[in-house]
Amino acid sequence: MLKRIDSLEIPPDKPFVNDLLNREDSAINLTSLIQSSESPLVLSINAPFGMGKTTFIRMWKAHLEKENHLCLYFNAWENDYTEKPLIALISEVEGIIDSIHLSKKEKSKLSKNLKKYGGDLIKFAAPIATKLITQGLLDSKDLANAFKKIVEQQIDDHKKSKATISSFKRSLQELCQKVGDDEEESKKHSIVFFIDELDRCRPSYAIELLENIKHLFDIEGIYFILGVDREQLAHMVKAIYGVGMDADGYLKKFIDLEYKLPVPSMKDFITFLDDDLNLNSIFQKRHDGASDRGDLLCTIRSLSKIFNISPRNLIQCFNQLGITLRTTETNFHIYPEYLAFLVFLKNARPEKYESYVRTNDFEEVISYMEELPLAMEFVKEEQWGCIKAIMKVSFWEAEKCRLFVKENAESTNKENANSAHLIAHYYRLAPGFHIHKDIVNKIEFSERFEIQP
């Protein structure tokens, strides 16, 4: 998204009070699943970019904490500057150690063991080439002997690595037991790791993090919740192992259960995107901002149904609207109905939009809209009357506007009378005939931004 709200309020006692997508039931059912699990679990929360995964994860985390689970939130993307994800994970685990009621001696022991065994695991993972370089053997004339020594060392390291993994897991098990014994902190004897933004990381970092989770943290009482776009994660696997790799099969080795976040209703999703982009702050700076925002959202709801627009395209529309609004002077009237119409026409029916912009044939666009079966109710509404009036103001000469208003202001034809009123209104606001041109230029500018995860 172009600009998301920095901190949606999530009250600890009512985590879902601001749940605009009605996902509390999902959290409650997933909590029951976690509580009934008797073995380690890696669960992915799947949804495309922009569908509210992070908001859901934060709300669910607060709900679990309310249920006395010990939870950690780890933003993988913000930590992929580190060379090894295991370093960042161990750092997060240390936060758990600090939070539970233990003596300084016990905390020091747990922390020391995790750092020691974790550090040894990272050391054992160093590639052979690195060890050859550090030993100065790549230039040796006797490469056969050099590689023999390295292979022998690797075999020895493998044995030590297996022992270190066991020691590392024992340290985690001890930590889980301490958490379970600390009744003031947790009644559920579990630690829940929320890993968010995994699909935004470097592919190598994301895959190594998955492997660490499965191989090193598969401890009873530890659960991992991954917030991912499944499609993007599969692309990462192929980026590492090649396009012929069975990405789905590979991911199933590391993810035990996958949960698709329910697709919200269009009405709820529009409300969510309006809130997520904080459009209200933009309109507050404008004259008649509250009225314009209401007109914009009303038109968006109608056009979303008429064009049967997908959630992904709706996100794109909102981002283009957001950019257009932010780059338009606050004293310039934005014509919210017309702005929304052009943005949705461009995203849903690009060929109609391009034809309209190229030929200025607004009558063809009007005919197209009024013949759409799903637009039967919309074309009777004032929103559509406003859009048609703006089209005429944008392309008619001043004299033609004045003549139409004069002839139809008192007309018995309700549509003509309404059009005359609206044309007079918009002509007074912008008699320079550049409404269409200015808005199209803004939309074209907004389209040049790549909306990426």
Protein backbone atom coordinates (compact mmCIF):
# COMPACT_ATOMS: atom_id res chain seq x y z
CA MET A 1 0.00 0.00 0.00
CA LEU A 2 1.13 3.59 -0.54
CA LYS A 3 0.66 4.61 3.08
CA ARG A 4 -0.71 2.42 5.77
CA ILE A 5 -1.82 3.39 9.23
CA ASP A 6 1.22 3.07 11.47
CA SER A 7 -0.51 1.65 14.51
CA LEU A 8 -4.10 0.46 14.48
CA GLU A 9 -5.30 0.42 18.06
CA ILE A 10 -5.69 -3.14 19.37
CA PRO A 11 -6.88 -2.98 23.00
CA PRO A 12 -5.51 -5.96 24.97
CA ASP A 13 -8.89 -6.62 26.59
CA LYS A 14 -10.84 -6.33 23.30
CA PRO A 15 -8.45 -7.26 20.49
CA PHE A 16 -11.11 -7.36 17.77
CA VAL A 17 -13.03 -4.21 18.64
CA ASN A 18 -11.62 -2.57 15.48
CA ASP A 19 -11.90 -5.68 13.33
CA LEU A 20 -13.23 -4.26 10.05
CA LEU A 21 -13.04 -7.59 8.20
CA ASN A 22 -15.01 -9.71 10.71
CA ARG A 23 -12.27 -12.25 11.36
CA GLU A 24 -12.71 -12.78 15.08
CA ASP A 25 -14.31 -16.20 14.50
CA SER A 26 -11.21 -17.30 12.59
CA ALA A 27 -9.01 -16.33 15.53
CA ILE A 28 -11.23 -18.13 18.05
CA ASN A 29 -11.25 -21.35 16.01
CA LEU A 30 -7.51 -21.20 15.38
CA THR A 31 -6.93 -20.67 19.10
CA SER A 32 -8.86 -23.86 19.84
CA LEU A 33 -6.71 -25.65 17.28
CA ILE A 34 -3.51 -24.44 18.95
CA GLN A 35 -4.72 -25.36 22.42
CA SER A 36 -5.71 -28.87 21.36
CA SER A 37 -2.45 -29.61 19.57
CA GLU A 38 -0.17 -32.02 21.42
CA SER A 39 2.78 -31.74 19.08
CA PRO A 40 4.88 -28.96 17.52
CA LEU A 41 2.99 -27.09 14.84
CA VAL A 42 3.84 -24.79 11.95
CA LEU A 43 0.70 -23.09 10.69
CA SER A 44 0.60 -20.65 7.79
CA ILE A 45 -1.96 -17.88 7.50
CA ASN A 46 -2.34 -17.42 3.76
CA ALA A 47 -3.68 -14.37 1.96
CA PRO A 48 -2.51 -12.20 -0.95
CA PHE A 49 -0.70 -8.94 -0.30
CA GLY A 50 -2.92 -6.20 1.05
CA MET A 51 -5.65 -8.48 2.45
CA GLY A 52 -5.00 -7.64 6.11
CA LYS A 53 -2.74 -10.52 7.22
CA THR A 54 -0.62 -8.38 9.52
CA THR A 55 -3.66 -6.77 11.14
CA PHE A 56 -5.20 -10.20 11.71
CA ILE A 57 -1.96 -11.59 13.15
CA ARG A 58 -1.61 -8.70 15.58
CA MET A 59 -5.23 -9.09 16.71
CA TRP A 60 -4.90 -12.86 17.09
CA LYS A 61 -1.65 -12.43 19.04
CA ALA A 62 -3.45 -10.09 21.47
CA HIS A 63 -6.28 -12.63 21.75
CA LEU A 64 -3.83 -15.44 22.58
CA GLU A 65 -2.09 -13.28 25.15
CA LYS A 66 -5.47 -12.61 26.69
CA GLU A 67 -5.79 -16.42 26.90
CA ASN A 68 -2.44 -16.48 28.77
CA HIS A 69 -0.28 -17.77 25.94
CA LEU A 70 3.26 -16.42 25.73
CA CYS A 71 3.62 -14.89 22.24
CA LEU A 72 6.37 -13.33 20.16
CA TYR A 73 5.99 -11.27 16.99
CA PHE A 74 8.90 -11.49 14.56
CA ASN A 75 8.93 -9.40 11.38
CA ALA A 76 11.14 -11.46 9.09
CA TRP A 77 11.48 -8.71 6.49
CA GLU A 78 12.79 -6.22 9.04
CA ASN A 79 15.41 -8.75 10.15
CA ASP A 80 16.68 -10.13 6.84
CA TYR A 81 19.63 -7.74 6.94
CA THR A 82 21.23 -10.30 9.29
CA GLU A 83 23.26 -12.98 7.57
CA LYS A 84 21.62 -15.85 9.46
CA PRO A 85 17.96 -15.98 10.52
CA LEU A 86 18.88 -18.24 13.43
CA ILE A 87 20.71 -15.32 15.05
CA ALA A 88 17.57 -13.18 14.95
CA LEU A 89 15.38 -16.03 16.24
CA ILE A 90 17.67 -16.69 19.20
CA SER A 91 17.63 -12.97 19.97
CA GLU A 92 13.82 -13.11 20.11
CA VAL A 93 13.89 -16.17 22.37
CA GLU A 94 16.08 -14.24 24.77
CA GLY A 95 13.21 -11.81 25.11
CA ILE A 96 11.11 -14.69 26.46
CA ILE A 97 13.77 -15.52 29.00
CA ASP A 98 13.74 -11.95 30.27
CA SER A 99 9.95 -11.93 30.58
CA ILE A 100 9.41 -15.01 32.76
CA HIS A 101 9.86 -15.14 36.51
CA LEU A 102 13.24 -16.80 37.01
CA SER A 103 16.29 -16.08 39.10
CA LYS A 104 19.14 -14.22 37.44
CA LYS A 105 21.19 -17.41 37.59
CA GLU A 106 18.54 -19.46 35.79
CA LYS A 107 18.05 -16.79 33.14
CA SER A 108 21.78 -16.53 32.60
CA LYS A 109 22.10 -20.29 32.19
CA LEU A 110 19.28 -20.54 29.67
CA SER A 111 20.55 -17.56 27.68
CA LYS A 112 24.14 -18.81 27.71
CA ASN A 113 23.18 -22.28 26.47
CA LEU A 114 20.99 -20.96 23.65
CA LYS A 115 23.72 -18.59 22.47
CA LYS A 116 26.42 -21.25 22.73
CA TYR A 117 24.60 -24.02 20.92
CA GLY A 118 23.08 -21.63 18.40
CA GLY A 119 26.49 -20.15 17.66
CA ASP A 120 27.96 -23.63 17.20
CA LEU A 121 25.20 -24.53 14.75
CA ILE A 122 25.95 -21.44 12.68
CA LYS A 123 29.65 -22.27 12.72
CA PHE A 124 29.06 -25.84 11.59
CA ALA A 125 26.96 -24.56 8.70
CA ALA A 126 29.94 -22.72 7.16
CA PRO A 127 30.56 -24.03 3.63
CA ILE A 128 33.66 -26.00 2.66
CA ALA A 129 34.89 -23.28 0.31
CA THR A 130 34.92 -20.79 3.18
CA LYS A 131 36.99 -23.15 5.30
CA LEU A 132 39.45 -23.68 2.47
CA ILE A 133 39.87 -19.94 2.10
CA THR A 134 40.31 -19.34 5.81
CA GLN A 135 42.94 -22.06 5.98
CA GLY A 136 44.76 -20.68 2.97
CA LEU A 137 44.50 -23.98 1.10
CA LEU A 138 42.90 -22.95 -2.18
CA ASP A 139 46.32 -22.18 -3.61
CA SER A 140 47.88 -25.37 -2.32
CA LYS A 141 49.53 -27.62 -4.87
CA ASP A 142 48.26 -30.69 -3.09
CA LEU A 143 44.51 -30.08 -3.45
CA ALA A 144 43.73 -33.77 -3.05
CA ASN A 145 45.17 -33.85 0.43
CA ALA A 146 43.57 -30.53 1.26
CA PHE A 147 40.12 -31.76 0.31
CA LYS A 148 40.69 -35.01 2.19
CA LYS A 149 41.38 -33.06 5.35
CA ILE A 150 38.37 -30.87 4.79
CA VAL A 151 36.10 -33.87 4.20
CA GLU A 152 37.39 -35.49 7.38
CA GLN A 153 36.74 -32.26 9.23
CA GLN A 154 33.22 -32.05 7.74
CA ILE A 155 32.43 -35.56 8.92
CA ASP A 156 33.67 -34.68 12.39
CA ASP A 157 31.69 -31.43 12.32
CA HIS A 158 28.58 -33.34 11.25
CA LYS A 159 28.82 -35.54 14.32
CA LYS A 160 29.33 -32.50 16.52
CA SER A 161 26.48 -30.69 14.76
CA LYS A 162 24.04 -33.52 15.55
CA ALA A 163 25.05 -33.38 19.19
CA THR A 164 24.76 -29.59 19.20
CA ILE A 165 21.25 -29.76 17.69
CA SER A 166 20.22 -32.10 20.49
CA SER A 167 21.69 -29.75 23.07
CA PHE A 168 19.98 -26.76 21.48
CA LYS A 169 16.62 -28.53 21.54
CA ARG A 170 17.11 -29.55 25.16
CA SER A 171 17.67 -25.88 26.00
CA LEU A 172 14.41 -24.98 24.25
CA GLN A 173 12.58 -27.77 26.06
CA GLU A 174 13.91 -26.49 29.35
CA LEU A 175 12.71 -23.01 28.45
CA CYS A 176 9.21 -24.33 27.60
CA GLN A 177 9.10 -26.12 30.92
CA LYS A 178 10.08 -22.95 32.76
CA VAL A 179 7.33 -21.07 30.93
CA GLY A 180 4.84 -23.77 31.93
CA ASP A 181 5.93 -23.68 35.56
CA ASP A 182 5.55 -19.90 35.67
CA GLU A 183 1.79 -19.86 36.25
CA GLU A 184 1.64 -16.10 36.63
CA GLU A 185 2.88 -15.74 33.08
CA SER A 186 1.20 -18.67 31.28
CA LYS A 187 -1.36 -21.32 32.03
CA LYS A 188 -1.04 -22.98 28.65
CA HIS A 189 2.59 -24.16 28.75
CA SER A 190 3.27 -22.93 25.23
CA ILE A 191 5.19 -20.37 23.23
CA VAL A 192 3.64 -19.00 20.03
CA PHE A 193 5.96 -17.41 17.45
CA PHE A 194 4.30 -15.17 14.90
CA ILE A 195 6.53 -14.84 11.83
CA ASP A 196 5.24 -12.07 9.58
CA GLU A 197 6.29 -10.70 6.17
CA LEU A 198 8.22 -13.88 5.31
CA ASP A 199 7.30 -13.50 1.63
CA ARG A 200 8.99 -10.09 1.46
CA CYS A 201 12.45 -11.36 2.49
CA ARG A 202 15.38 -12.37 0.35
CA PRO A 203 14.57 -15.88 -0.98
CA SER A 204 17.67 -17.40 0.63
CA TYR A 205 16.81 -15.86 4.00
CA ALA A 206 13.17 -16.96 3.85
CA ILE A 207 14.01 -20.57 2.93
CA GLU A 208 16.73 -20.83 5.59
CA LEU A 209 14.32 -19.44 8.19
CA LEU A 210 11.75 -22.11 7.27
CA GLU A 211 14.39 -24.82 7.55
CA ASN A 212 15.55 -23.51 10.94
CA ILE A 213 11.97 -23.51 12.24
CA LYS A 214 11.31 -27.08 11.19
CA HIS A 215 14.63 -28.67 12.07
CA LEU A 216 15.65 -26.77 15.20
CA PHE A 217 12.43 -25.55 16.83
CA ASP A 218 10.22 -28.64 16.50
CA ILE A 219 9.75 -28.81 20.26
CA GLU A 220 6.56 -29.71 22.09
CA GLY A 221 4.95 -26.52 23.30
CA ILE A 222 6.36 -24.31 20.53
CA TYR A 223 4.04 -23.20 17.73
CA PHE A 224 4.92 -21.13 14.69
CA ILE A 225 2.35 -19.00 12.87
CA LEU A 226 3.54 -17.74 9.47
CA GLY A 227 1.85 -14.81 7.74
CA VAL A 228 2.48 -15.41 4.03
CA ASP A 229 1.32 -14.93 0.49
CA ARG A 230 1.55 -18.60 -0.57
CA GLU A 231 2.09 -17.74 -4.23
CA GLN A 232 5.03 -15.45 -3.46
CA LEU A 233 6.59 -18.04 -1.15
CA ALA A 234 6.41 -20.66 -3.91
CA HIS A 235 8.22 -18.24 -6.25
CA MET A 236 10.99 -17.94 -3.65
CA VAL A 237 11.46 -21.71 -3.55
CA LYS A 238 11.82 -21.79 -7.32
CA ALA A 239 14.23 -18.85 -7.20
CA ILE A 240 16.52 -20.93 -4.97
CA TYR A 241 16.06 -24.43 -6.39
CA GLY A 242 15.04 -23.76 -10.01
CA VAL A 243 11.77 -23.32 -11.92
CA GLY A 244 11.32 -27.09 -12.18
CA MET A 245 11.17 -27.47 -8.42
CA ASP A 246 7.93 -28.80 -6.90
CA ALA A 247 7.45 -25.75 -4.67
CA ASP A 248 4.19 -26.97 -3.15
CA GLY A 249 5.71 -30.32 -2.22
CA TYR A 250 8.75 -28.61 -0.75
CA LEU A 251 6.71 -26.22 1.39
CA LYS A 252 4.55 -29.05 2.73
CA LYS A 253 7.69 -30.48 4.35
CA PHE A 254 7.96 -27.39 6.53
CA ILE A 255 4.37 -26.23 6.99
CA ASP A 256 2.02 -28.61 8.80
CA LEU A 257 -1.25 -26.76 8.21
CA GLU A 258 -2.28 -23.95 5.89
CA TYR A 259 -5.21 -21.66 6.64
CA LYS A 260 -6.62 -19.33 4.02
CA LEU A 261 -7.95 -16.15 5.52
CA PRO A 262 -11.59 -15.80 4.45
CA VAL A 263 -12.17 -13.33 1.65
CA PRO A 264 -14.03 -10.36 3.17
CA SER A 265 -17.22 -8.98 1.70
CA MET A 266 -16.66 -6.17 -0.77
CA LYS A 267 -18.38 -3.72 1.59
CA ASP A 268 -16.09 -4.67 4.50
CA PHE A 269 -12.99 -4.64 2.30
CA ILE A 270 -13.76 -1.14 1.02
CA THR A 271 -14.13 0.07 4.60
CA PHE A 272 -10.85 -1.65 5.50
CA LEU A 273 -8.93 -0.09 2.59
CA ASP A 274 -10.34 3.35 3.33
CA ASP A 275 -9.14 2.97 6.91
CA ASP A 276 -5.84 1.33 5.97
CA LEU A 277 -4.90 4.15 3.59
CA ASN A 278 -6.15 6.72 6.09
CA LEU A 279 -8.04 8.62 3.39
CA ASN A 280 -9.95 10.49 6.08
CA SER A 281 -6.81 12.49 6.92
CA ILE A 282 -6.60 13.64 3.29
CA PHE A 283 -10.21 14.76 3.09
CA GLN A 284 -9.99 16.59 6.40
CA LYS A 285 -7.68 19.10 4.69
CA ARG A 286 -10.16 19.79 1.89
CA HIS A 287 -13.13 22.10 1.59
CA ASP A 288 -16.27 19.93 1.74
CA GLY A 289 -13.94 17.02 2.48
CA ALA A 290 -16.44 15.01 4.50
CA SER A 291 -19.04 15.27 1.74
CA ASP A 292 -16.50 14.44 -0.98
CA ARG A 293 -15.25 11.38 0.92
CA GLY A 294 -18.80 10.13 1.32
CA ASP A 295 -19.48 10.61 -2.40
CA LEU A 296 -16.23 8.85 -3.31
CA LEU A 297 -16.92 5.78 -1.14
CA CYS A 298 -20.53 5.59 -2.29
CA THR A 299 -19.40 5.58 -5.92
CA ILE A 300 -16.69 2.99 -5.18
CA ARG A 301 -19.25 0.62 -3.65
CA SER A 302 -21.50 0.90 -6.69
CA LEU A 303 -18.71 0.50 -9.25
CA SER A 304 -17.19 -2.48 -7.41
CA LYS A 305 -20.45 -4.37 -7.89
CA ILE A 306 -21.02 -3.24 -11.48
CA PHE A 307 -17.54 -4.27 -12.62
CA ASN A 308 -17.35 -7.30 -10.27
CA ILE A 309 -13.86 -6.13 -9.39
CA SER A 310 -11.41 -8.49 -7.67
CA PRO A 311 -9.85 -7.71 -4.26
CA ARG A 312 -6.44 -7.30 -5.89
CA ASN A 313 -7.79 -4.81 -8.42
CA LEU A 314 -9.65 -3.00 -5.66
CA ILE A 315 -6.34 -2.54 -3.83
CA GLN A 316 -4.86 -1.13 -7.04
CA CYS A 317 -7.80 1.28 -7.44
CA PHE A 318 -7.44 2.53 -3.86
CA ASN A 319 -3.72 3.08 -4.28
CA GLN A 320 -4.27 5.09 -7.47
CA LEU A 321 -6.97 7.11 -5.74
CA GLY A 322 -4.66 7.69 -2.78
CA ILE A 323 -1.80 8.91 -4.99
CA THR A 324 -4.13 11.12 -7.01
CA LEU A 325 -5.60 12.71 -3.89
CA ARG A 326 -2.21 13.28 -2.30
CA THR A 327 -0.84 14.98 -5.40
CA THR A 328 -3.84 17.27 -5.90
CA GLU A 329 -3.85 20.69 -4.27
CA THR A 330 -6.31 20.93 -1.41
CA ASN A 331 -8.09 23.89 -2.99
CA PHE A 332 -8.67 22.04 -6.27
CA HIS A 333 -12.08 20.37 -6.50
CA ILE A 334 -11.55 16.65 -7.09
CA TYR A 335 -14.97 15.67 -8.46
CA PRO A 336 -15.02 12.44 -6.42
CA GLU A 337 -17.66 10.58 -8.47
CA TYR A 338 -15.85 11.23 -11.75
CA LEU A 339 -12.44 10.45 -10.27
CA ALA A 340 -13.67 7.09 -8.95
CA PHE A 341 -15.39 6.31 -12.26
CA LEU A 342 -12.26 6.89 -14.34
CA VAL A 343 -10.02 4.89 -11.97
CA PHE A 344 -12.41 1.92 -11.94
CA LEU A 345 -13.02 2.08 -15.68
CA LYS A 346 -9.25 2.04 -16.27
CA ASN A 347 -8.69 -1.00 -14.02
CA ALA A 348 -11.80 -2.99 -14.90
CA ARG A 349 -12.33 -2.08 -18.58
CA PRO A 350 -8.99 -0.67 -19.79
CA GLU A 351 -9.98 -0.83 -23.47
CA LYS A 352 -13.04 1.39 -22.80
CA TYR A 353 -10.93 3.80 -20.78
CA GLU A 354 -8.25 4.08 -23.47
CA SER A 355 -10.86 4.65 -26.17
CA TYR A 356 -12.56 7.34 -24.11
CA VAL A 357 -9.33 9.18 -23.29
CA ARG A 358 -8.13 8.96 -26.88
CA THR A 359 -11.35 10.04 -28.64
CA ASN A 360 -13.15 12.10 -25.96
CA ASP A 361 -16.31 10.27 -27.03
CA PHE A 362 -18.17 10.53 -23.73
CA GLU A 363 -21.49 9.64 -25.37
CA GLU A 364 -20.13 6.18 -26.26
CA VAL A 365 -19.05 5.65 -22.63
CA ILE A 366 -22.43 6.78 -21.35
CA SER A 367 -24.20 4.38 -23.71
CA TYR A 368 -21.92 1.53 -22.65
CA MET A 369 -22.57 2.10 -18.95
CA GLU A 370 -26.32 2.51 -19.32
CA GLU A 371 -26.56 -0.78 -21.21
CA LEU A 372 -24.72 -2.83 -18.57
CA PRO A 373 -27.15 -5.20 -16.81
CA LEU A 374 -25.47 -4.67 -13.41
CA ALA A 375 -25.66 -0.89 -13.82
CA MET A 376 -29.45 -0.66 -14.12
CA GLU A 377 -29.88 0.77 -10.63
CA PHE A 378 -26.68 2.83 -10.66
CA VAL A 379 -27.63 4.83 -13.76
CA LYS A 380 -30.75 6.03 -11.94
CA GLU A 381 -28.71 7.42 -9.03
CA GLU A 382 -27.43 10.95 -8.54
CA GLN A 383 -23.85 9.63 -8.68
CA TRP A 384 -24.24 8.73 -12.34
CA GLY A 385 -25.96 12.04 -13.05
CA CYS A 386 -22.92 13.83 -11.59
CA ILE A 387 -20.53 11.80 -13.72
CA LYS A 388 -22.46 12.51 -16.92
CA ALA A 389 -22.68 16.22 -16.08
CA ILE A 390 -18.91 16.44 -15.54
CA MET A 391 -18.31 14.67 -18.86
CA LYS A 392 -20.39 17.27 -20.68
CA VAL A 393 -18.78 20.20 -18.87
CA SER A 394 -15.33 18.84 -19.75
CA PHE A 395 -15.95 18.62 -23.49
CA TRP A 396 -18.69 21.13 -24.34
CA GLU A 397 -17.88 24.67 -25.29
CA ALA A 398 -18.91 27.34 -22.78
CA GLU A 399 -21.74 28.55 -25.00
CA LYS A 400 -23.16 25.03 -25.32
CA CYS A 401 -23.09 24.61 -21.53
CA ARG A 402 -24.95 27.88 -21.03
CA LEU A 403 -27.51 27.03 -23.70
CA PHE A 404 -28.18 23.57 -22.24
CA VAL A 405 -28.67 25.03 -18.77
CA LYS A 406 -30.98 27.75 -20.09
CA GLU A 407 -33.14 25.30 -22.04
CA ASN A 408 -33.34 22.56 -19.42
CA ALA A 409 -33.20 24.23 -16.03
CA GLU A 410 -37.00 24.20 -15.83
CA SER A 411 -37.52 21.14 -17.99
CA THR A 412 -40.22 18.61 -17.15
CA ASN A 413 -37.70 15.95 -18.11
CA LYS A 414 -36.24 15.15 -14.71
CA GLU A 415 -32.95 13.83 -16.07
CA ASN A 416 -32.37 16.90 -18.24
CA ALA A 417 -33.31 19.23 -15.38
CA ASN A 418 -30.88 17.46 -13.02
CA SER A 419 -28.14 17.51 -15.66
CA ALA A 420 -28.69 21.23 -16.21
CA HIS A 421 -28.41 21.90 -12.49
CA LEU A 422 -25.22 19.84 -12.17
CA ILE A 423 -23.65 21.34 -15.28
CA ALA A 424 -24.32 24.84 -13.96
CA HIS A 425 -22.77 23.86 -10.64
CA TYR A 426 -19.63 22.30 -12.10
CA TYR A 427 -19.23 25.01 -14.72
CA ARG A 428 -19.14 27.61 -11.95
CA LEU A 429 -16.49 25.57 -10.10
CA ALA A 430 -14.22 25.06 -13.11
CA PRO A 431 -15.09 27.07 -16.22
CA GLY A 432 -11.69 26.32 -17.75
CA PHE A 433 -12.81 23.02 -19.33
CA HIS A 434 -9.81 21.10 -17.92
CA ILE A 435 -11.59 18.86 -15.39
CA HIS A 436 -11.16 15.74 -17.53
CA LYS A 437 -7.61 16.53 -18.60
CA ASP A 438 -6.40 17.29 -15.07
CA ILE A 439 -7.90 14.13 -13.57
CA VAL A 440 -6.63 11.90 -16.40
CA ASN A 441 -3.11 13.32 -15.97
CA LYS A 442 -3.22 12.53 -12.24
CA ILE A 443 -4.44 8.98 -12.87
CA GLU A 444 -1.75 8.38 -15.49
CA PHE A 445 0.84 9.61 -13.00
CA SER A 446 -0.47 7.27 -10.28
CA GLU A 447 -0.33 4.26 -12.62
CA ARG A 448 3.43 4.59 -12.98
CA PHE A 449 3.88 3.45 -9.37
CA GLU A 450 4.46 -0.28 -8.97
CA ILE A 451 2.25 -1.49 -6.12
CA GLN A 452 4.32 -4.39 -4.81
CA PRO A 453 4.44 -6.38 -1.56
